[in-house]
PDB file of N, CA and C in Angstrom:
ATOM      1  N   MET A   1     -17.789  -7.424   5.985  1.00  0.00           N
ATOM      2  CA  MET A   1     -17.878  -6.065   5.484  1.00  0.00           C
ATOM      3  C   MET A   1     -18.922  -5.291   6.272  1.00  0.00           C
ATOM      4  N   THR A   2     -18.660  -4.011   6.445  1.00  0.00           N
ATOM      5  CA  THR A   2     -19.630  -3.125   7.079  1.00  0.00           C
ATOM      6  C   THR A   2     -19.911  -1.979   6.135  1.00  0.00           C
ATOM      7  N   GLU A   3     -21.093  -1.394   6.251  1.00  0.00           N
ATOM      8  CA  GLU A   3     -21.458  -0.295   5.372  1.00  0.00           C
ATOM      9  C   GLU A   3     -21.095   1.017   6.036  1.00  0.00           C
ATOM     10  N   ASN A   4     -20.525   1.950   5.247  1.00  0.00           N
ATOM     11  CA  ASN A   4     -20.189   3.237   5.853  1.00  0.00           C
ATOM     12  C   ASN A   4     -21.452   4.059   6.054  1.00  0.00           C
ATOM     13  N   LYS A   5     -21.377   5.115   6.862  1.00  0.00           N
ATOM     14  CA  LYS A   5     -22.554   5.880   7.253  1.00  0.00           C
ATOM     15  C   LYS A   5     -23.164   6.678   6.113  1.00  0.00           C
ATOM     16  N   ASN A   6     -22.406   6.878   5.046  1.00  0.00           N
ATOM     17  CA  ASN A   6     -22.934   7.636   3.909  1.00  0.00           C
ATOM     18  C   ASN A   6     -23.690   6.749   2.933  1.00  0.00           C
ATOM     19  N   GLY A   7     -23.809   5.452   3.249  1.00  0.00           N
ATOM     20  CA  GLY A   7     -24.542   4.556   2.358  1.00  0.00           C
ATOM     21  C   GLY A   7     -23.770   4.190   1.111  1.00  0.00           C
ATOM     22  N   GLY A   8     -22.461   4.452   1.094  1.00  0.00           N
ATOM     23  CA  GLY A   8     -21.640   4.160  -0.077  1.00  0.00           C
ATOM     24  C   GLY A   8     -21.139   2.735  -0.077  1.00  0.00           C
ATOM     25  N   ASN A   9     -19.959   2.556  -0.608  1.00  0.00           N
ATOM     26  CA  ASN A   9     -19.368   1.226  -0.712  1.00  0.00           C
ATOM     27  C   ASN A   9     -19.104   0.633   0.667  1.00  0.00           C
ATOM     28  N   PRO A  10     -19.228  -0.678   0.790  1.00  0.00           N
ATOM     29  CA  PRO A  10     -18.943  -1.311   2.083  1.00  0.00           C
ATOM     30  C   PRO A  10     -17.458  -1.223   2.411  1.00  0.00           C
ATOM     31  N   LEU A  11     -17.148  -1.133   3.701  1.00  0.00           N
ATOM     32  CA  LEU A  11     -15.774  -1.102   4.171  1.00  0.00           C
ATOM     33  C   LEU A  11     -15.399  -2.482   4.689  1.00  0.00           C
ATOM     34  N   PRO A  12     -14.153  -2.901   4.485  1.00  0.00           N
ATOM     35  CA  PRO A  12     -13.743  -4.188   5.030  1.00  0.00           C
ATOM     36  C   PRO A  12     -13.854  -4.164   6.552  1.00  0.00           C
ATOM     37  N   SER A  13     -14.380  -5.210   7.152  1.00  0.00           N
ATOM     38  CA  SER A  13     -14.514  -5.242   8.602  1.00  0.00           C
ATOM     39  C   SER A  13     -13.135  -5.384   9.233  1.00  0.00           C
ATOM     40  N   GLY A  14     -12.944  -4.727  10.361  1.00  0.00           N
ATOM     41  CA  GLY A  14     -11.673  -4.805  11.063  1.00  0.00           C
ATOM     42  C   GLY A  14     -10.551  -4.043  10.395  1.00  0.00           C
ATOM     43  N   SER A  15     -10.847  -3.130   9.470  1.00  0.00           N
ATOM     44  CA  SER A  15      -9.814  -2.377   8.779  1.00  0.00           C
ATOM     45  C   SER A  15      -9.089  -1.473   9.753  1.00  0.00           C
ATOM     46  N   ASP A  16      -7.767  -1.482   9.665  1.00  0.00           N
ATOM     47  CA  ASP A  16      -6.939  -0.613  10.489  1.00  0.00           C
ATOM     48  C   ASP A  16      -6.416   0.535   9.646  1.00  0.00           C
ATOM     49  N   TYR A  17      -6.291   1.702  10.294  1.00  0.00           N
ATOM     50  CA  TYR A  17      -5.759   2.884   9.640  1.00  0.00           C
ATOM     51  C   TYR A  17      -4.436   3.252  10.285  1.00  0.00           C
ATOM     52  N   ILE A  18      -3.555   3.872   9.504  1.00  0.00           N
ATOM     53  CA  ILE A  18      -2.371   4.497  10.063  1.00  0.00           C
ATOM     54  C   ILE A  18      -2.294   5.912   9.512  1.00  0.00           C
ATOM     55  N   VAL A  19      -1.656   6.794  10.263  1.00  0.00           N
ATOM     56  CA  VAL A  19      -1.458   8.174   9.843  1.00  0.00           C
ATOM     57  C   VAL A  19       0.041   8.387   9.687  1.00  0.00           C
ATOM     58  N   ILE A  20       0.440   8.959   8.553  1.00  0.00           N
ATOM     59  CA  ILE A  20       1.843   9.194   8.254  1.00  0.00           C
ATOM     60  C   ILE A  20       2.031  10.678   7.981  1.00  0.00           C
ATOM     61  N   LYS A  21       2.952  11.318   8.712  1.00  0.00           N
ATOM     62  CA  LYS A  21       3.268  12.730   8.494  1.00  0.00           C
ATOM     63  C   LYS A  21       4.732  12.829   8.098  1.00  0.00           C
ATOM     64  N   ALA A  22       4.978  13.397   6.909  1.00  0.00           N
ATOM     65  CA  ALA A  22       6.337  13.534   6.389  1.00  0.00           C
ATOM     66  C   ALA A  22       7.105  14.602   7.161  1.00  0.00           C
ATOM     67  N   LYS A  23       8.340  14.266   7.537  1.00  0.00           N
ATOM     68  CA  LYS A  23       9.213  15.218   8.224  1.00  0.00           C
ATOM     69  C   LYS A  23      10.261  15.789   7.274  1.00  0.00           C
ATOM     70  N   GLU A  24      10.246  15.315   6.022  1.00  0.00           N
ATOM     71  CA  GLU A  24      11.135  15.822   4.983  1.00  0.00           C
ATOM     72  C   GLU A  24      10.448  15.626   3.637  1.00  0.00           C
ATOM     73  N   ASN A  25      10.952  16.288   2.617  1.00  0.00           N
ATOM     74  CA  ASN A  25      10.405  16.119   1.272  1.00  0.00           C
ATOM     75  C   ASN A  25      10.768  14.747   0.724  1.00  0.00           C
ATOM     76  N   GLY A  26       9.860  14.169  -0.060  1.00  0.00           N
ATOM     77  CA  GLY A  26      10.134  12.933  -0.773  1.00  0.00           C
ATOM     78  C   GLY A  26       9.908  11.655   0.003  1.00  0.00           C
ATOM     79  N   VAL A  27       9.146  11.699   1.078  1.00  0.00           N
ATOM     80  CA  VAL A  27       8.837  10.474   1.821  1.00  0.00           C
ATOM     81  C   VAL A  27       7.939   9.595   0.953  1.00  0.00           C
ATOM     82  N   GLN A  28       8.279   8.320   0.837  1.00  0.00           N
ATOM     83  CA  GLN A  28       7.483   7.392   0.029  1.00  0.00           C
ATOM     84  C   GLN A  28       6.724   6.423   0.925  1.00  0.00           C
ATOM     85  N   VAL A  29       5.454   6.222   0.598  1.00  0.00           N
ATOM     86  CA  VAL A  29       4.621   5.235   1.270  1.00  0.00           C
ATOM     87  C   VAL A  29       4.243   4.209   0.203  1.00  0.00           C
ATOM     88  N   ILE A  30       4.612   2.959   0.449  1.00  0.00           N
ATOM     89  CA  ILE A  30       4.425   1.908  -0.543  1.00  0.00           C
ATOM     90  C   ILE A  30       3.492   0.850   0.032  1.00  0.00           C
ATOM     91  N   GLY A  31       2.388   0.575  -0.664  1.00  0.00           N
ATOM     92  CA  GLY A  31       1.446  -0.467  -0.251  1.00  0.00           C
ATOM     93  C   GLY A  31       1.851  -1.798  -0.841  1.00  0.00           C
ATOM     94  N   LEU A  32       1.836  -2.851  -0.009  1.00  0.00           N
ATOM     95  CA  LEU A  32       2.208  -4.200  -0.437  1.00  0.00           C
ATOM     96  C   LEU A  32       0.985  -5.105  -0.414  1.00  0.00           C
ATOM     97  N   THR A  33       0.899  -5.999  -1.390  1.00  0.00           N
ATOM     98  CA  THR A  33      -0.271  -6.865  -1.543  1.00  0.00           C
ATOM     99  C   THR A  33      -0.249  -8.063  -0.607  1.00  0.00           C
ATOM    100  N   ARG A  34      -1.403  -8.704  -0.488  1.00  0.00           N
ATOM    101  CA  ARG A  34      -1.537  -9.971   0.244  1.00  0.00           C
ATOM    102  C   ARG A  34      -1.304 -11.127  -0.720  1.00  0.00           C
ATOM    103  N   GLY A  35      -1.162 -12.308  -0.181  1.00  0.00           N
ATOM    104  CA  GLY A  35      -1.100 -13.496  -1.027  1.00  0.00           C
ATOM    105  C   GLY A  35       0.267 -14.145  -1.039  1.00  0.00           C
ATOM    106  N   LEU A  36       0.400 -15.141  -1.909  1.00  0.00           N
ATOM    107  CA  LEU A  36       1.649 -15.885  -1.998  1.00  0.00           C
ATOM    108  C   LEU A  36       2.791 -15.027  -2.523  1.00  0.00           C
ATOM    109  N   ASP A  37       2.502 -14.141  -3.459  1.00  0.00           N
ATOM    110  CA  ASP A  37       3.512 -13.247  -4.026  1.00  0.00           C
ATOM    111  C   ASP A  37       3.249 -11.831  -3.533  1.00  0.00           C
ATOM    112  N   THR A  38       4.051 -11.366  -2.585  1.00  0.00           N
ATOM    113  CA  THR A  38       3.906  -9.992  -2.094  1.00  0.00           C
ATOM    114  C   THR A  38       4.486  -9.052  -3.145  1.00  0.00           C
ATOM    115  N   ARG A  39       3.691  -8.056  -3.539  1.00  0.00           N
ATOM    116  CA  ARG A  39       4.109  -7.113  -4.579  1.00  0.00           C
ATOM    117  C   ARG A  39       3.733  -5.703  -4.183  1.00  0.00           C
ATOM    118  N   PHE A  40       4.447  -4.740  -4.768  1.00  0.00           N
ATOM    119  CA  PHE A  40       4.066  -3.342  -4.602  1.00  0.00           C
ATOM    120  C   PHE A  40       2.804  -3.106  -5.418  1.00  0.00           C
ATOM    121  N   HIS A  41       1.792  -2.433  -4.847  1.00  0.00           N
ATOM    122  CA  HIS A  41       0.607  -2.151  -5.660  1.00  0.00           C
ATOM    123  C   HIS A  41       0.239  -0.677  -5.659  1.00  0.00           C
ATOM    124  N   HIS A  42       0.832   0.121  -4.783  1.00  0.00           N
ATOM    125  CA  HIS A  42       0.499   1.547  -4.771  1.00  0.00           C
ATOM    126  C   HIS A  42       1.633   2.313  -4.096  1.00  0.00           C
ATOM    127  N   THR A  43       1.950   3.494  -4.629  1.00  0.00           N
ATOM    128  CA  THR A  43       2.993   4.335  -4.044  1.00  0.00           C
ATOM    129  C   THR A  43       2.497   5.763  -3.957  1.00  0.00           C
ATOM    130  N   GLU A  44       2.758   6.401  -2.833  1.00  0.00           N
ATOM    131  CA  GLU A  44       2.476   7.823  -2.644  1.00  0.00           C
ATOM    132  C   GLU A  44       3.762   8.513  -2.247  1.00  0.00           C
ATOM    133  N   LYS A  45       3.933   9.748  -2.683  1.00  0.00           N
ATOM    134  CA  LYS A  45       5.101  10.541  -2.313  1.00  0.00           C
ATOM    135  C   LYS A  45       4.610  11.757  -1.539  1.00  0.00           C
ATOM    136  N   LEU A  46       5.169  11.966  -0.351  1.00  0.00           N
ATOM    137  CA  LEU A  46       4.755  13.074   0.509  1.00  0.00           C
ATOM    138  C   LEU A  46       5.879  14.086   0.662  1.00  0.00           C
ATOM    139  N   ASP A  47       5.522  15.360   0.703  1.00  0.00           N
ATOM    140  CA  ASP A  47       6.483  16.414   1.004  1.00  0.00           C
ATOM    141  C   ASP A  47       6.356  16.809   2.460  1.00  0.00           C
ATOM    142  N   LYS A  48       7.356  17.506   2.965  1.00  0.00           N
ATOM    143  CA  LYS A  48       7.413  17.872   4.383  1.00  0.00           C
ATOM    144  C   LYS A  48       6.100  18.497   4.843  1.00  0.00           C
ATOM    145  N   GLY A  49       5.571  17.971   5.949  1.00  0.00           N
ATOM    146  CA  GLY A  49       4.335  18.487   6.518  1.00  0.00           C
ATOM    147  C   GLY A  49       3.072  17.836   5.988  1.00  0.00           C
ATOM    148  N   GLU A  50       3.157  17.127   4.870  1.00  0.00           N
ATOM    149  CA  GLU A  50       1.962  16.467   4.327  1.00  0.00           C
ATOM    150  C   GLU A  50       1.611  15.246   5.167  1.00  0.00           C
ATOM    151  N   VAL A  51       0.310  14.965   5.242  1.00  0.00           N
ATOM    152  CA  VAL A  51      -0.207  13.855   6.040  1.00  0.00           C
ATOM    153  C   VAL A  51      -1.007  12.929   5.136  1.00  0.00           C
ATOM    154  N   LEU A  52      -0.803  11.633   5.322  1.00  0.00           N
ATOM    155  CA  LEU A  52      -1.559  10.615   4.592  1.00  0.00           C
ATOM    156  C   LEU A  52      -2.224   9.707   5.612  1.00  0.00           C
ATOM    157  N   ILE A  53      -3.512   9.470   5.432  1.00  0.00           N
ATOM    158  CA  ILE A  53      -4.229   8.499   6.247  1.00  0.00           C
ATOM    159  C   ILE A  53      -4.430   7.279   5.357  1.00  0.00           C
ATOM    160  N   ALA A  54      -3.830   6.158   5.754  1.00  0.00           N
ATOM    161  CA  ALA A  54      -3.847   4.948   4.931  1.00  0.00           C
ATOM    162  C   ALA A  54      -4.596   3.836   5.650  1.00  0.00           C
ATOM    163  N   GLN A  55      -5.189   2.945   4.876  1.00  0.00           N
ATOM    164  CA  GLN A  55      -6.006   1.870   5.425  1.00  0.00           C
ATOM    165  C   GLN A  55      -5.497   0.519   4.945  1.00  0.00           C
ATOM    166  N   PHE A  56      -5.421  -0.436   5.865  1.00  0.00           N
ATOM    167  CA  PHE A  56      -5.147  -1.811   5.487  1.00  0.00           C
ATOM    168  C   PHE A  56      -6.460  -2.400   4.971  1.00  0.00           C
ATOM    169  N   THR A  57      -6.417  -3.072   3.823  1.00  0.00           N
ATOM    170  CA  THR A  57      -7.628  -3.567   3.171  1.00  0.00           C
ATOM    171  C   THR A  57      -7.463  -5.032   2.773  1.00  0.00           C
ATOM    172  N   ASP A  58      -8.428  -5.526   2.012  1.00  0.00           N
ATOM    173  CA  ASP A  58      -8.339  -6.882   1.479  1.00  0.00           C
ATOM    174  C   ASP A  58      -7.133  -7.037   0.553  1.00  0.00           C
ATOM    175  N   HIS A  59      -6.662  -5.931  -0.044  1.00  0.00           N
ATOM    176  CA  HIS A  59      -5.533  -5.973  -0.976  1.00  0.00           C
ATOM    177  C   HIS A  59      -4.221  -5.543  -0.336  1.00  0.00           C
ATOM    178  N   THR A  60      -4.272  -4.721   0.698  1.00  0.00           N
ATOM    179  CA  THR A  60      -3.066  -4.168   1.317  1.00  0.00           C
ATOM    180  C   THR A  60      -2.808  -4.851   2.656  1.00  0.00           C
ATOM    181  N   SER A  61      -1.686  -5.564   2.749  1.00  0.00           N
ATOM    182  CA  SER A  61      -1.365  -6.265   3.990  1.00  0.00           C
ATOM    183  C   SER A  61      -0.221  -5.603   4.743  1.00  0.00           C
ATOM    184  N   ALA A  62       0.562  -4.784   4.054  1.00  0.00           N
ATOM    185  CA  ALA A  62       1.706  -4.128   4.684  1.00  0.00           C
ATOM    186  C   ALA A  62       1.997  -2.822   3.963  1.00  0.00           C
ATOM    187  N   MET A  63       2.712  -1.932   4.648  1.00  0.00           N
ATOM    188  CA  MET A  63       3.152  -0.667   4.060  1.00  0.00           C
ATOM    189  C   MET A  63       4.613  -0.450   4.394  1.00  0.00           C
ATOM    190  N   LYS A  64       5.336   0.038   3.423  1.00  0.00           N
ATOM    191  CA  LYS A  64       6.752   0.355   3.599  1.00  0.00           C
ATOM    192  C   LYS A  64       6.880   1.869   3.504  1.00  0.00           C
ATOM    193  N   ILE A  65       7.612   2.470   4.440  1.00  0.00           N
ATOM    194  CA  ILE A  65       7.768   3.918   4.457  1.00  0.00           C
ATOM    195  C   ILE A  65       9.247   4.239   4.346  1.00  0.00           C
ATOM    196  N   ARG A  66       9.595   5.006   3.306  1.00  0.00           N
ATOM    197  CA  ARG A  66      10.976   5.435   3.082  1.00  0.00           C
ATOM    198  C   ARG A  66      11.077   6.920   3.350  1.00  0.00           C
ATOM    199  N   GLY A  67      12.026   7.319   4.161  1.00  0.00           N
ATOM    200  CA  GLY A  67      12.217   8.721   4.489  1.00  0.00           C
ATOM    201  C   GLY A  67      11.816   8.989   5.930  1.00  0.00           C
ATOM    202  N   LYS A  68      12.083  10.201   6.389  1.00  0.00           N
ATOM    203  CA  LYS A  68      11.763  10.568   7.767  1.00  0.00           C
ATOM    204  C   LYS A  68      10.293  10.929   7.879  1.00  0.00           C
ATOM    205  N   ALA A  69       9.598  10.208   8.772  1.00  0.00           N
ATOM    206  CA  ALA A  69       8.167  10.428   8.945  1.00  0.00           C
ATOM    207  C   ALA A  69       7.739  10.028  10.348  1.00  0.00           C
ATOM    208  N   GLU A  70       6.655  10.652  10.804  1.00  0.00           N
ATOM    209  CA  GLU A  70       5.996  10.238  12.039  1.00  0.00           C
ATOM    210  C   GLU A  70       4.843   9.334  11.635  1.00  0.00           C
ATOM    211  N   ILE A  71       4.646   8.246  12.382  1.00  0.00           N
ATOM    212  CA  ILE A  71       3.619   7.265  12.052  1.00  0.00           C
ATOM    213  C   ILE A  71       2.798   6.995  13.305  1.00  0.00           C
ATOM    214  N   TRP A  72       1.479   7.090  13.165  1.00  0.00           N
ATOM    215  CA  TRP A  72       0.572   6.802  14.272  1.00  0.00           C
ATOM    216  C   TRP A  72      -0.348   5.660  13.873  1.00  0.00           C
ATOM    217  N   SER A  73      -0.591   4.760  14.821  1.00  0.00           N
ATOM    218  CA  SER A  73      -1.570   3.689  14.624  1.00  0.00           C
ATOM    219  C   SER A  73      -2.211   3.391  15.968  1.00  0.00           C
ATOM    220  N   LYS A  74      -3.130   2.430  15.983  1.00  0.00           N
ATOM    221  CA  LYS A  74      -3.765   2.058  17.238  1.00  0.00           C
ATOM    222  C   LYS A  74      -2.762   1.413  18.197  1.00  0.00           C
ATOM    223  N   HIS A  75      -1.594   1.062  17.682  1.00  0.00           N
ATOM    224  CA  HIS A  75      -0.556   0.437  18.497  1.00  0.00           C
ATOM    225  C   HIS A  75       0.408   1.455  19.097  1.00  0.00           C
ATOM    226  N   GLY A  76       0.298   2.722  18.687  1.00  0.00           N
ATOM    227  CA  GLY A  76       1.181   3.756  19.227  1.00  0.00           C
ATOM    228  C   GLY A  76       1.788   4.618  18.141  1.00  0.00           C
ATOM    229  N   GLN A  77       2.831   5.359  18.509  1.00  0.00           N
ATOM    230  CA  GLN A  77       3.498   6.286  17.605  1.00  0.00           C
ATOM    231  C   GLN A  77       4.963   5.882  17.455  1.00  0.00           C
ATOM    232  N   LEU A  78       5.497   6.073  16.241  1.00  0.00           N
ATOM    233  CA  LEU A  78       6.919   5.854  16.018  1.00  0.00           C
ATOM    234  C   LEU A  78       7.393   6.760  14.913  1.00  0.00           C
ATOM    235  N   GLU A  79       8.720   6.817  14.739  1.00  0.00           N
ATOM    236  CA  GLU A  79       9.306   7.632  13.674  1.00  0.00           C
ATOM    237  C   GLU A  79      10.209   6.762  12.826  1.00  0.00           C
ATOM    238  N   SER A  80      10.117   6.940  11.510  1.00  0.00           N
ATOM    239  CA  SER A  80      11.060   6.279  10.622  1.00  0.00           C
ATOM    240  C   SER A  80      12.303   7.149  10.573  1.00  0.00           C
ATOM    241  N   GLU A  81      13.457   6.531  10.343  1.00  0.00           N
ATOM    242  CA  GLU A  81      14.719   7.270  10.421  1.00  0.00           C
ATOM    243  C   GLU A  81      15.329   7.570   9.070  1.00  0.00           C
ATOM    244  N   SER A  82      14.934   6.860   8.034  1.00  0.00           N
ATOM    245  CA  SER A  82      15.530   7.160   6.734  1.00  0.00           C
ATOM    246  C   SER A  82      14.572   6.819   5.623  1.00  0.00           C
TER     247      SER A  82
END
């Protein structure tokens, strides 16, 4: 863990962020848990033009994106198709 610059809660070390921009109304971003049983633990709904900055954490190991969206990460940019 590392401490953020504001002296608040510690951040998980090596945390990766992704940026998701909705290209249509109703894009869903679903966070999936770590562990033996992968489960949905959080859902966000974005409308066209809205942007979400999401972080992989100790609890979030994967994200599922439904709908048309642009996605940026340290690995590059891609677009979801449906």
